[in-house]
Amino acid sequence: MVVPHHPTGARLARHRLADELADVVPSMLLADLVAVLAELVGNAVRHAEALPGGVVRVAWRLRPTPDGQFVQLRVTDGGAAAGPLVRVASPDAVDGRGLHIVAGLASRWGVDRDGLGQCVWAEFDPAATPRTDLVAAG
């Protein structure tokens, strides 16, 4: 799907993903997918150029495995001078934590670049070892 290179693009992508996968993946995984997709589209809008037509391309793929659904999210934009980097945010910073969220929820993530832009992807592998270095708040 394509969404506008505008903050509303993240909302449109979240709603479409939630609508399409609500009956396909467990609700906890769906919540993680929605959160990561919102971060990736938000980062594309905030930090990268648009694709031709002023859009960002959003895609997801599912592959059944013996352990559950393997899911890959992909957000493609026009690229930026500097690629996505995990930043160190101070405790009172208002931003800078998005890729920490992506890294914490996804099994792995990365960036593919070509001459037209960049694609930031995140994978959710049901067979992956659970993260033990994350602490739940509350």
C-alpha atoms as a PDB file:
ATOM      1  CA  MET A   1       0.000   0.000   0.000  1.00  0.00           C
ATOM      2  CA  VAL A   2       1.090   3.606  -0.335  1.00  0.00           C
ATOM      3  CA  VAL A   3       0.424   6.275   2.252  1.00  0.00           C
ATOM      4  CA  PRO A   4       1.075   9.999   2.205  1.00  0.00           C
ATOM      5  CA  HIS A   5       4.499  11.229   3.273  1.00  0.00           C
ATOM      6  CA  HIS A   6       2.711  12.992   6.101  1.00  0.00           C
ATOM      7  CA  PRO A   7       1.960  12.135   9.751  1.00  0.00           C
ATOM      8  CA  THR A   8      -1.468  10.818   8.709  1.00  0.00           C
ATOM      9  CA  GLY A   9       0.356   8.117   6.731  1.00  0.00           C
ATOM     10  CA  ALA A  10       1.306   6.286   9.933  1.00  0.00           C
ATOM     11  CA  ARG A  11      -2.319   6.254  11.115  1.00  0.00           C
ATOM     12  CA  LEU A  12      -3.575   4.941   7.771  1.00  0.00           C
ATOM     13  CA  ALA A  13      -0.937   2.191   7.718  1.00  0.00           C
ATOM     14  CA  ARG A  14      -1.664   1.157  11.337  1.00  0.00           C
ATOM     15  CA  HIS A  15      -5.395   0.875  10.724  1.00  0.00           C
ATOM     16  CA  ARG A  16      -4.997  -1.098   7.500  1.00  0.00           C
ATOM     17  CA  LEU A  17      -2.521  -3.521   9.092  1.00  0.00           C
ATOM     18  CA  ALA A  18      -4.762  -4.016  12.138  1.00  0.00           C
ATOM     19  CA  ASP A  19      -7.835  -4.575   9.942  1.00  0.00           C
ATOM     20  CA  GLU A  20      -6.114  -7.081   7.662  1.00  0.00           C
ATOM     21  CA  LEU A  21      -4.303  -9.112  10.331  1.00  0.00           C
ATOM     22  CA  ALA A  22      -6.774  -9.034  13.242  1.00  0.00           C
ATOM     23  CA  ASP A  23      -8.024 -12.549  12.512  1.00  0.00           C
ATOM     24  CA  VAL A  24      -4.673 -13.894  11.301  1.00  0.00           C
ATOM     25  CA  VAL A  25      -2.148 -13.298  14.097  1.00  0.00           C
ATOM     26  CA  PRO A  26      -2.421 -13.368  17.905  1.00  0.00           C
ATOM     27  CA  SER A  27      -3.473 -10.062  19.472  1.00  0.00           C
ATOM     28  CA  MET A  28      -0.151  -9.569  21.297  1.00  0.00           C
ATOM     29  CA  LEU A  29       1.778  -9.960  18.040  1.00  0.00           C
ATOM     30  CA  LEU A  30      -0.655  -7.636  16.284  1.00  0.00           C
ATOM     31  CA  ALA A  31      -0.037  -4.958  18.935  1.00  0.00           C
ATOM     32  CA  ASP A  32       3.729  -5.277  18.360  1.00  0.00           C
ATOM     33  CA  LEU A  33       3.290  -5.118  14.581  1.00  0.00           C
ATOM     34  CA  VAL A  34       1.137  -1.998  14.817  1.00  0.00           C
ATOM     35  CA  ALA A  35       3.623  -0.277  17.150  1.00  0.00           C
ATOM     36  CA  VAL A  36       6.617  -1.067  14.941  1.00  0.00           C
ATOM     37  CA  LEU A  37       4.847  -0.069  11.734  1.00  0.00           C
ATOM     38  CA  ALA A  38       3.853   3.256  13.298  1.00  0.00           C
ATOM     39  CA  GLU A  39       7.481   3.903  14.278  1.00  0.00           C
ATOM     40  CA  LEU A  40       8.844   2.988  10.847  1.00  0.00           C
ATOM     41  CA  VAL A  41       6.331   5.111   8.922  1.00  0.00           C
ATOM     42  CA  GLY A  42       6.726   7.970  11.399  1.00  0.00           C
ATOM     43  CA  ASN A  43      10.498   7.855  10.971  1.00  0.00           C
ATOM     44  CA  ALA A  44      10.153   7.827   7.177  1.00  0.00           C
ATOM     45  CA  VAL A  45       7.944  10.910   7.312  1.00  0.00           C
ATOM     46  CA  ARG A  46      10.113  12.738   9.816  1.00  0.00           C
ATOM     47  CA  HIS A  47      13.618  11.862   8.633  1.00  0.00           C
ATOM     48  CA  ALA A  48      13.495  10.823   4.949  1.00  0.00           C
ATOM     49  CA  GLU A  49      12.408  12.133   1.598  1.00  0.00           C
ATOM     50  CA  ALA A  50       9.184  10.968  -0.025  1.00  0.00           C
ATOM     51  CA  LEU A  51       9.022   8.609  -2.956  1.00  0.00           C
ATOM     52  CA  PRO A  52       7.822  10.167  -6.230  1.00  0.00           C
ATOM     53  CA  GLY A  53       4.243  11.328  -5.755  1.00  0.00           C
ATOM     54  CA  GLY A  54       4.828  12.353  -2.135  1.00  0.00           C
ATOM     55  CA  VAL A  55       4.262   8.870  -0.728  1.00  0.00           C
ATOM     56  CA  VAL A  56       5.802   6.133   1.405  1.00  0.00           C
ATOM     57  CA  ARG A  57       5.339   2.483   0.429  1.00  0.00           C
ATOM     58  CA  VAL A  58       4.268   0.067   3.188  1.00  0.00           C
ATOM     59  CA  ALA A  59       4.143  -3.716   2.860  1.00  0.00           C
ATOM     60  CA  TRP A  60       3.862  -6.795   5.020  1.00  0.00           C
ATOM     61  CA  ARG A  61       4.350 -10.470   4.313  1.00  0.00           C
ATOM     62  CA  LEU A  62       3.232 -13.450   6.335  1.00  0.00           C
ATOM     63  CA  ARG A  63       4.621 -16.945   6.124  1.00  0.00           C
ATOM     64  CA  PRO A  64       3.172 -19.777   8.178  1.00  0.00           C
ATOM     65  CA  THR A  65       5.733 -21.752  10.177  1.00  0.00           C
ATOM     66  CA  PRO A  66       5.335 -24.638  12.623  1.00  0.00           C
ATOM     67  CA  ASP A  67       5.719 -22.103  15.454  1.00  0.00           C
ATOM     68  CA  GLY A  68       3.194 -19.549  14.126  1.00  0.00           C
ATOM     69  CA  GLN A  69       3.187 -16.711  11.602  1.00  0.00           C
ATOM     70  CA  PHE A  70       6.515 -15.238  10.505  1.00  0.00           C
ATOM     71  CA  VAL A  71       5.841 -11.578   9.627  1.00  0.00           C
ATOM     72  CA  GLN A  72       7.988  -9.067   7.791  1.00  0.00           C
ATOM     73  CA  LEU A  73       7.120  -5.349   7.681  1.00  0.00           C
ATOM     74  CA  ARG A  74       8.719  -3.094   5.040  1.00  0.00           C
ATOM     75  CA  VAL A  75       8.584   0.712   4.788  1.00  0.00           C
ATOM     76  CA  THR A  76      10.167   2.236   1.697  1.00  0.00           C
ATOM     77  CA  ASP A  77      10.884   5.948   1.347  1.00  0.00           C
ATOM     78  CA  GLY A  78      13.046   8.220  -0.771  1.00  0.00           C
ATOM     79  CA  GLY A  79      16.007   7.961   1.594  1.00  0.00           C
ATOM     80  CA  ALA A  80      17.932  10.486   3.612  1.00  0.00           C
ATOM     81  CA  ALA A  81      21.489  11.764   3.826  1.00  0.00           C
ATOM     82  CA  ALA A  82      22.072   9.632   6.932  1.00  0.00           C
ATOM     83  CA  GLY A  83      20.508   6.215   7.369  1.00  0.00           C
ATOM     84  CA  PRO A  84      18.429   5.167  10.348  1.00  0.00           C
ATOM     85  CA  LEU A  85      20.484   4.910  13.537  1.00  0.00           C
ATOM     86  CA  VAL A  86      19.579   3.872  17.041  1.00  0.00           C
ATOM     87  CA  ARG A  87      20.124   7.032  19.094  1.00  0.00           C
ATOM     88  CA  VAL A  88      20.882   7.460  22.751  1.00  0.00           C
ATOM     89  CA  ALA A  89      18.117   9.586  24.239  1.00  0.00           C
ATOM     90  CA  SER A  90      18.399  11.331  27.575  1.00  0.00           C
ATOM     91  CA  PRO A  91      15.681  10.516  30.128  1.00  0.00           C
ATOM     92  CA  ASP A  92      13.899  13.810  29.489  1.00  0.00           C
ATOM     93  CA  ALA A  93      14.239  13.794  25.677  1.00  0.00           C
ATOM     94  CA  VAL A  94      10.926  13.928  23.823  1.00  0.00           C
ATOM     95  CA  ASP A  95      12.125  11.721  20.956  1.00  0.00           C
ATOM     96  CA  GLY A  96      14.935   9.393  19.926  1.00  0.00           C
ATOM     97  CA  ARG A  97      13.502   6.095  21.174  1.00  0.00           C
ATOM     98  CA  GLY A  98      11.700   4.813  18.073  1.00  0.00           C
ATOM     99  CA  LEU A  99      14.335   2.389  16.822  1.00  0.00           C
ATOM    100  CA  HIS A 100      14.805   1.118  20.387  1.00  0.00           C
ATOM    101  CA  ILE A 101      11.128   0.155  20.257  1.00  0.00           C
ATOM    102  CA  VAL A 102      11.613  -1.509  16.870  1.00  0.00           C
ATOM    103  CA  ALA A 103      14.698  -3.421  18.077  1.00  0.00           C
ATOM    104  CA  GLY A 104      12.941  -4.463  21.270  1.00  0.00           C
ATOM    105  CA  LEU A 105       9.782  -5.790  19.637  1.00  0.00           C
ATOM    106  CA  ALA A 106      11.083  -7.255  16.363  1.00  0.00           C
ATOM    107  CA  SER A 107      13.262 -10.363  16.070  1.00  0.00           C
ATOM    108  CA  ARG A 108      15.559  -8.351  13.812  1.00  0.00           C
ATOM    109  CA  TRP A 109      15.477  -5.239  11.659  1.00  0.00           C
ATOM    110  CA  GLY A 110      17.627  -3.575   9.032  1.00  0.00           C
ATOM    111  CA  VAL A 111      17.881  -1.253   6.062  1.00  0.00           C
ATOM    112  CA  ASP A 112      18.181  -2.007   2.342  1.00  0.00           C
ATOM    113  CA  ARG A 113      19.267   0.807   0.043  1.00  0.00           C
ATOM    114  CA  ASP A 114      19.169   1.157  -3.705  1.00  0.00           C
ATOM    115  CA  GLY A 115      19.537   4.083  -6.061  1.00  0.00           C
ATOM    116  CA  LEU A 116      15.923   5.142  -5.516  1.00  0.00           C
ATOM    117  CA  GLY A 117      15.726   5.236  -1.728  1.00  0.00           C
ATOM    118  CA  GLN A 118      15.726   2.978   1.267  1.00  0.00           C
ATOM    119  CA  CYS A 119      13.604   0.267   2.796  1.00  0.00           C
ATOM    120  CA  VAL A 120      13.575  -0.233   6.555  1.00  0.00           C
ATOM    121  CA  TRP A 121      12.299  -3.679   7.480  1.00  0.00           C
ATOM    122  CA  ALA A 122      11.476  -5.546  10.657  1.00  0.00           C
ATOM    123  CA  GLU A 123      10.894  -9.259  11.076  1.00  0.00           C
ATOM    124  CA  PHE A 124       8.882 -11.098  13.696  1.00  0.00           C
ATOM    125  CA  ASP A 125       9.953 -14.738  13.929  1.00  0.00           C
ATOM    126  CA  PRO A 126       7.843 -16.936  16.233  1.00  0.00           C
ATOM    127  CA  ALA A 127      10.797 -19.329  16.607  1.00  0.00           C
ATOM    128  CA  ALA A 128      13.177 -16.574  17.774  1.00  0.00           C
ATOM    129  CA  THR A 129      14.504 -16.695  21.301  1.00  0.00           C
ATOM    130  CA  PRO A 130      12.538 -14.282  23.511  1.00  0.00           C
ATOM    131  CA  ARG A 131      14.414 -11.147  24.560  1.00  0.00           C
ATOM    132  CA  THR A 132      15.479 -11.333  28.191  1.00  0.00           C
ATOM    133  CA  ASP A 133      17.217  -7.964  28.295  1.00  0.00           C
ATOM    134  CA  LEU A 134      13.967  -5.986  28.208  1.00  0.00           C
ATOM    135  CA  VAL A 135      12.101  -5.008  31.344  1.00  0.00           C
ATOM    136  CA  ALA A 136       8.385  -4.304  31.362  1.00  0.00           C
ATOM    137  CA  ALA A 137       7.372  -1.055  33.027  1.00  0.00           C
ATOM    138  CA  GLY A 138       4.661  -1.006  35.625  1.00  0.00           C
END
